Protein backbone atom coordinates (compact mmCIF):
# COMPACT_ATOMS: atom_id res chain seq x y z
CA MET A 1 104.77 166.83 118.15
CA PHE A 2 108.33 168.07 117.01
CA VAL A 3 109.57 171.19 116.03
CA SER A 4 112.84 171.90 113.57
CA TRP A 5 114.95 174.70 115.14
CA ASN A 6 116.83 176.23 112.44
CA MET A 7 119.48 177.19 114.88
CA THR A 8 121.97 179.24 112.37
CA LYS A 9 122.12 180.58 108.87
CA ALA A 10 126.22 179.54 109.05
CA CYS A 11 126.67 176.77 106.59
CA ASN A 12 129.98 175.61 104.56
CA LEU A 13 128.04 174.50 101.68
CA ARG A 14 126.03 176.46 99.23
CA CYS A 15 123.42 174.15 98.48
CA LYS A 16 121.11 175.05 95.53
CA HIS A 17 117.92 174.39 96.77
CA CYS A 18 118.67 175.73 100.52
CA TYR A 19 115.35 177.05 101.84
CA ARG A 20 117.27 179.43 104.47
CA ASP A 21 119.44 180.57 101.75
CA ALA A 22 122.18 179.77 104.39
CA GLY A 23 125.81 180.90 104.33
CA GLU A 24 126.73 183.75 106.49
CA ARG A 25 125.66 183.92 110.42
CA ASP A 26 122.76 185.96 111.16
CA GLU A 27 123.70 188.20 113.80
CA HIS A 28 120.45 188.08 115.66
CA GLU A 29 120.36 184.35 115.67
CA LEU A 30 119.28 183.29 119.22
CA ASN A 31 121.89 183.00 121.93
CA THR A 32 122.65 180.16 124.11
CA ILE A 33 120.19 181.54 127.25
CA GLU A 34 117.76 182.17 124.87
CA GLY A 35 118.21 178.89 123.18
CA LYS A 36 117.78 177.07 126.51
CA HIS A 37 114.93 179.23 127.34
CA LEU A 38 113.27 178.37 123.73
CA LEU A 39 114.19 174.53 124.65
CA PHE A 40 112.10 174.85 128.13
CA GLU A 41 109.06 176.34 126.43
CA LEU A 42 108.77 173.87 124.11
CA ARG A 43 108.88 171.14 126.51
CA GLU A 44 106.20 172.41 128.61
CA SER A 45 104.01 173.21 125.32
CA GLY A 46 104.20 169.52 124.97
CA PHE A 47 106.78 169.39 122.21
CA ASP A 48 108.94 165.62 122.83
CA ARG A 49 111.09 165.76 119.61
CA ILE A 50 113.33 168.58 118.07
CA ILE A 51 115.58 168.55 114.95
CA PHE A 52 118.59 170.77 115.12
CA SER A 53 119.32 172.04 111.95
CA GLY A 54 120.73 175.15 110.33
CA GLY A 55 122.52 176.01 107.87
CA GLU A 56 124.66 173.85 109.37
CA ALA A 57 124.10 173.32 112.98
CA LEU A 58 127.27 172.09 114.20
CA LEU A 59 128.70 175.48 113.28
CA ARG A 60 127.60 176.78 116.67
CA ASP A 61 129.91 176.53 119.74
CA ASP A 62 127.15 175.49 121.83
CA ILE A 63 125.55 172.83 119.94
CA TYR A 64 126.17 170.02 122.44
CA GLU A 65 125.22 172.32 125.30
CA LEU A 66 121.74 172.65 124.18
CA ILE A 67 121.42 168.91 122.75
CA GLU A 68 122.56 168.22 126.24
CA TYR A 69 119.90 170.47 128.02
CA ALA A 70 117.21 169.61 125.76
CA ALA A 71 117.83 165.61 126.48
CA SER A 72 117.96 166.24 130.27
CA MET A 73 114.07 167.24 129.66
CA GLY A 74 113.30 164.08 127.80
CA ILE A 75 113.12 165.74 124.69
CA ARG A 76 114.29 163.25 121.73
CA CYS A 77 116.90 165.07 120.17
CA VAL A 78 117.83 164.91 116.09
CA LEU A 79 120.18 166.67 114.23
CA GLY A 80 119.77 167.68 110.60
CA SER A 81 123.24 168.00 109.05
CA ASN A 82 125.35 167.91 105.51
CA GLY A 83 128.01 165.38 107.20
CA THR A 84 131.07 167.02 106.25
CA LEU A 85 131.94 167.99 109.45
CA ILE A 86 131.34 164.74 111.48
CA ASP A 87 134.45 162.70 112.31
CA LEU A 88 134.83 160.31 115.43
CA LYS A 89 135.14 162.76 117.77
CA ILE A 90 132.23 164.85 116.83
CA ALA A 91 130.21 161.73 116.47
CA LYS A 92 130.92 160.64 119.94
CA ARG A 93 130.27 163.99 120.87
CA LEU A 94 126.59 164.09 119.71
CA LYS A 95 125.88 160.78 121.12
CA ASP A 96 127.04 161.44 124.62
CA ALA A 97 125.05 164.79 124.49
CA GLY A 98 122.02 163.01 123.48
CA ILE A 99 121.64 162.95 120.13
CA GLY A 100 119.49 159.99 118.99
CA ARG A 101 119.53 160.13 115.41
CA VAL A 102 121.41 162.35 112.58
CA GLY A 103 120.02 163.08 109.32
CA ILE A 104 122.70 163.50 106.76
CA SER A 105 122.14 165.04 103.41
CA LEU A 106 122.78 162.81 99.98
CA ASP A 107 121.46 163.46 96.49
CA SER A 108 123.48 161.52 94.29
CA SER A 109 125.72 158.20 94.35
CA ASN A 110 127.87 160.10 92.05
CA SER A 111 129.70 162.32 93.47
CA LYS A 112 129.97 165.17 90.44
CA ASN A 113 125.98 165.38 90.86
CA HIS A 114 126.24 165.39 94.59
CA ASP A 115 129.07 168.46 94.49
CA GLU A 116 127.62 170.57 92.00
CA PHE A 117 124.43 170.20 93.80
CA ARG A 118 125.60 171.32 96.74
CA GLN A 119 127.96 173.94 95.36
CA CYS A 120 131.25 172.62 97.18
CA PRO A 121 133.69 170.13 95.09
CA GLY A 122 134.60 167.55 97.68
CA SER A 123 131.51 167.62 99.83
CA PHE A 124 130.45 164.08 98.52
CA GLU A 125 133.55 162.19 100.31
CA GLN A 126 133.31 164.57 103.01
CA THR A 127 129.71 163.33 103.54
CA MET A 128 130.54 159.93 103.29
CA ALA A 129 133.64 159.96 105.65
CA GLY A 130 130.46 161.81 107.98
CA ILE A 131 128.41 158.53 107.52
CA ASN A 132 131.22 156.08 108.40
CA ALA A 133 132.03 158.42 111.27
CA CYS A 134 128.36 157.59 112.66
CA LEU A 135 128.37 153.89 111.82
CA GLN A 136 131.82 153.16 113.56
CA MET A 137 130.43 155.27 116.65
CA GLY A 138 127.17 153.54 116.52
CA LEU A 139 125.17 156.60 116.20
CA ASP A 140 122.03 156.01 114.29
CA PHE A 141 121.71 158.00 111.21
CA GLN A 142 119.23 158.50 108.10
CA ILE A 143 119.81 159.69 104.55
CA HIS A 144 117.96 162.78 103.18
CA THR A 145 117.60 163.24 99.52
CA THR A 146 115.83 166.18 97.84
CA VAL A 147 114.21 165.20 94.53
CA MET A 148 115.53 166.88 91.59
CA ASP A 149 115.84 166.48 87.71
CA PHE A 150 119.14 164.78 88.26
CA ASN A 151 118.22 162.17 90.61
CA MET A 152 114.02 161.55 90.48
CA ASP A 153 115.07 158.47 88.55
CA LYS A 154 117.44 157.18 90.87
CA LEU A 155 115.78 157.46 94.20
CA ALA A 156 115.44 153.09 93.93
CA GLU A 157 119.07 153.18 93.74
CA LEU A 158 119.96 155.65 96.50
CA ALA A 159 117.50 153.92 99.01
CA ASP A 160 119.36 150.85 98.15
CA MET A 161 122.40 152.57 98.71
CA SER A 162 121.29 154.43 102.07
CA GLN A 163 120.78 150.76 103.33
CA ARG A 164 123.88 149.26 102.23
CA LEU A 165 125.61 152.26 104.34
CA GLY A 166 123.67 151.19 107.35
CA ALA A 167 121.13 153.69 107.17
CA LYS A 168 117.86 153.23 109.51
CA ALA A 169 115.84 155.06 107.08
CA HIS A 170 115.72 157.37 103.67
CA HIS A 171 113.68 160.33 103.68
CA ILE A 172 113.02 161.47 100.53
CA PHE A 173 112.30 165.44 100.06
CA PHE A 174 109.91 166.97 97.69
CA LEU A 175 111.21 170.28 96.46
CA VAL A 176 109.30 173.58 97.45
CA HIS A 177 110.45 176.80 95.36
CA THR A 178 111.91 178.73 98.41
CA GLY A 179 115.02 180.58 99.43
CA ARG A 180 117.67 179.64 96.82
CA ALA A 181 115.37 176.97 95.55
CA LYS A 182 113.35 180.22 93.44
CA GLU A 183 116.04 180.24 91.24
CA LEU A 184 116.05 176.35 90.35
CA THR A 185 113.62 175.27 87.16
CA SER A 186 112.24 171.40 87.47
CA GLN A 187 111.06 168.98 85.29
CA MET A 188 108.51 167.75 87.81
CA SER A 189 104.98 167.18 87.03
CA GLN A 190 101.76 166.00 88.74
CA LYS A 191 102.16 162.90 86.86
CA LYS A 192 105.46 162.18 87.42
CA TYR A 193 105.36 162.91 91.16
CA ILE A 194 102.13 160.59 91.85
CA ALA A 195 104.25 158.15 90.03
CA LEU A 196 107.63 158.51 92.06
CA LEU A 197 104.95 158.08 95.18
CA LYS A 198 103.61 155.04 94.30
CA ASP A 199 106.96 153.55 93.34
CA ILE A 200 108.02 154.51 96.96
CA THR A 201 104.89 153.06 98.02
CA GLU A 202 105.28 149.49 96.19
CA ARG A 203 109.28 149.15 97.61
CA GLN A 204 108.17 149.98 101.19
CA LEU A 205 105.78 147.11 100.98
CA LYS A 206 108.32 145.16 99.51
CA ASN A 207 110.96 145.97 102.15
CA PRO A 208 108.94 146.87 105.42
CA ALA A 209 112.13 146.60 107.76
CA PHE A 210 113.69 149.82 105.93
CA GLU A 211 111.59 153.29 106.34
CA LEU A 212 111.02 154.85 103.20
CA LYS A 213 109.78 158.24 104.13
CA PRO A 214 108.40 161.20 101.57
CA THR A 215 108.53 164.46 102.81
CA CYS A 216 106.21 167.49 101.56
CA ALA A 217 104.70 164.79 99.74
CA PRO A 218 101.39 164.48 101.83
CA GLN A 219 99.34 162.64 99.07
CA PHE A 220 101.92 159.59 100.17
CA MET A 221 99.51 158.96 103.18
CA PRO A 222 96.24 157.78 101.27
CA LEU A 223 98.73 155.71 98.75
CA ALA A 224 100.20 154.16 101.73
CA SER A 225 96.87 153.68 103.79
CA LYS A 226 95.30 151.90 100.79
CA ALA A 227 98.38 149.47 100.04
CA GLY A 228 98.50 148.67 103.91
CA CYS A 229 102.00 150.19 104.48
CA MET A 230 101.10 152.57 106.82
CA SER A 231 104.02 152.97 109.65
CA PRO A 232 103.74 154.66 112.98
CA HIS A 233 106.12 157.16 111.98
CA PHE A 234 103.23 158.56 109.42
CA VAL A 235 100.65 160.23 110.96
CA ARG A 236 99.50 162.79 108.70
CA GLY A 237 100.57 164.37 105.40
CA CYS A 238 100.91 168.21 106.15
CA LEU A 239 101.82 168.64 109.83
CA ALA A 240 102.34 172.60 109.71
CA GLY A 241 101.02 174.37 112.66
CA ILE A 242 99.19 171.51 113.82
CA SER A 243 101.72 169.05 115.40
CA TYR A 244 104.94 170.63 113.86
CA CYS A 245 106.52 174.14 113.65
CA CYS A 246 109.94 175.80 112.62
CA ILE A 247 112.37 178.15 114.54
CA LEU A 248 114.25 180.34 112.71
CA PRO A 249 117.51 181.57 113.47
CA ASN A 250 116.38 184.90 115.08
CA GLY A 251 113.66 183.15 117.16
CA ASP A 252 110.93 184.02 114.39
CA ILE A 253 108.57 180.79 114.27
CA SER A 254 106.99 179.59 111.07
CA PRO A 255 104.06 176.92 110.45
CA CYS A 256 106.83 175.32 107.86
CA PRO A 257 110.10 176.20 107.04
CA TYR A 258 108.68 176.24 103.38
CA LEU A 259 106.05 178.48 104.20
CA PRO A 260 107.54 182.42 104.34
CA LEU A 261 104.47 183.01 107.14
CA ILE A 262 105.78 184.60 110.77
CA ILE A 263 103.58 184.01 113.29
CA GLY A 264 105.56 185.73 115.87
CA ASN A 265 108.98 186.09 117.88
CA ILE A 266 109.87 183.84 120.90
CA LYS A 267 111.88 187.46 121.75
CA GLU A 268 108.54 188.87 122.02
CA THR A 269 106.09 186.70 122.96
CA PRO A 270 106.21 183.33 124.71
CA PHE A 271 106.20 180.21 122.47
CA SER A 272 103.08 178.95 124.07
CA VAL A 273 100.82 181.79 123.59
CA LEU A 274 102.18 181.83 119.89
CA TRP A 275 101.33 178.06 119.31
CA LYS A 276 97.84 178.05 120.84
CA GLU A 277 96.79 181.57 120.03
CA SER A 278 98.25 182.60 116.39
CA PRO A 279 95.26 183.19 113.66
CA ILE A 280 97.53 181.44 110.95
CA LEU A 281 98.06 178.42 113.07
CA ARG A 282 94.23 178.09 113.97
CA LYS A 283 93.40 178.58 110.36
CA LEU A 284 95.88 175.62 109.66
CA ARG A 285 94.21 173.15 112.06
CA SER A 286 90.68 174.12 110.97
CA SER A 287 91.35 171.91 107.65
CA ALA A 288 89.09 174.60 105.74
CA TYR A 289 90.78 174.12 102.61
CA LYS A 290 89.71 175.62 99.10
CA GLY A 291 89.32 174.31 96.12
CA LYS A 292 89.58 170.40 95.44
CA CYS A 293 91.24 169.75 99.04
CA ARG A 294 87.66 170.97 100.42
CA GLY A 295 85.63 167.82 99.78
CA CYS A 296 88.51 165.35 99.20
CA GLU A 297 87.91 161.91 101.27
CA TYR A 298 91.40 162.17 101.87
CA ARG A 299 91.47 165.48 103.70
CA GLU A 300 92.42 164.49 107.22
CA ILE A 301 95.02 162.46 106.40
CA CYS A 302 96.38 164.19 103.84
CA GLY A 303 95.79 167.64 104.03
CA GLY A 304 97.72 168.82 101.25
CA CYS A 305 100.93 170.75 100.97
CA ARG A 306 100.30 174.08 102.51
CA ALA A 307 103.60 175.36 101.16
CA ARG A 308 102.97 174.41 97.42
CA ALA A 309 99.36 175.63 97.87
CA TYR A 310 100.88 179.14 98.65
CA TYR A 311 103.99 179.28 96.23
CA TYR A 312 101.43 178.21 93.16
CA SER A 313 98.46 180.23 93.93
CA LYS A 314 98.14 183.68 92.32
CA GLU A 315 96.64 185.04 95.98
CA LYS A 316 99.38 183.30 97.78
CA ASP A 317 96.80 181.51 99.74
CA TYR A 318 98.25 178.63 101.76
CA MET A 319 94.62 177.30 102.52
CA ALA A 320 94.20 177.12 98.73
CA ALA A 321 94.28 173.53 96.78
CA ASP A 322 97.44 171.53 96.48
CA PRO A 323 98.11 171.81 92.37
CA TRP A 324 100.36 168.58 92.55
CA CYS A 325 97.43 166.44 93.82
CA GLY A 326 96.27 163.85 91.85
CA GLU A 327 93.39 162.49 93.65
CA ARG A 328 91.96 160.59 90.97
CA ASN A 329 95.10 158.56 90.76
CA LEU A 330 95.62 157.73 94.43
């Protein structure tokens, strides 16, 4: 099981799609002692992997101390970053502290498109410098790309670029309209979405040594299963509340960073209690989906995107059918 910890809302970029609407620090974010207590509770609850993210997690002064503490308990540590603050010194400190891999956001091979999307001139070059620092320091990294109108037909090009740069994987995130992304429009359609997933599946088959992994795209699972390109990293489509959750900067817990539901706060209730007893999480684990997801033959390996179901349903029902599903085309 694994968790994302959005350690801070502080960020040096202003990305148009940011689900956390990051920028300024949240004055109520967990302090170092509270953070260590959280990490201990996570380990006691059976979580063995954590993604330290933000905002930009590297803006926390205690980031290395918290990574070291998590690693000392046997938790596999991953950093999610925009890469702009990483130089050789920071890459070494991350590696020494216990980071096993860094996920770096890169949305285009074109600096103009990337900088415009990240709303920070020069961010592309800074990110590329961060990637190079990881490479020189022997710190494994992977590339994260959010699918937008300007890059949806360039995903193969970005995957090839990621592999040339020395990345271990290319993770492709499909947009859910939360945070600042509420202001974005997208030309993505169900037909285009399924076509992109099929293309990713075909490219993974042709190049199995380089991991391509769609995120917030659970319909990839039946496609990958049918094609015979299932990886040990592909466990289930939607993991929200089942083997994954998200910790917000202030200690709130959500089943998924894109699902605006809070099950409680670790400052008030032990994590183990919330994880075991939350009615929201129990419902997610029941697979009692509605609409076309209810009787779908792929229900257990796919699950539909619960955040997308919530966003598009009039009732804001996270158990509703995933509107992007094209089960007849899988």
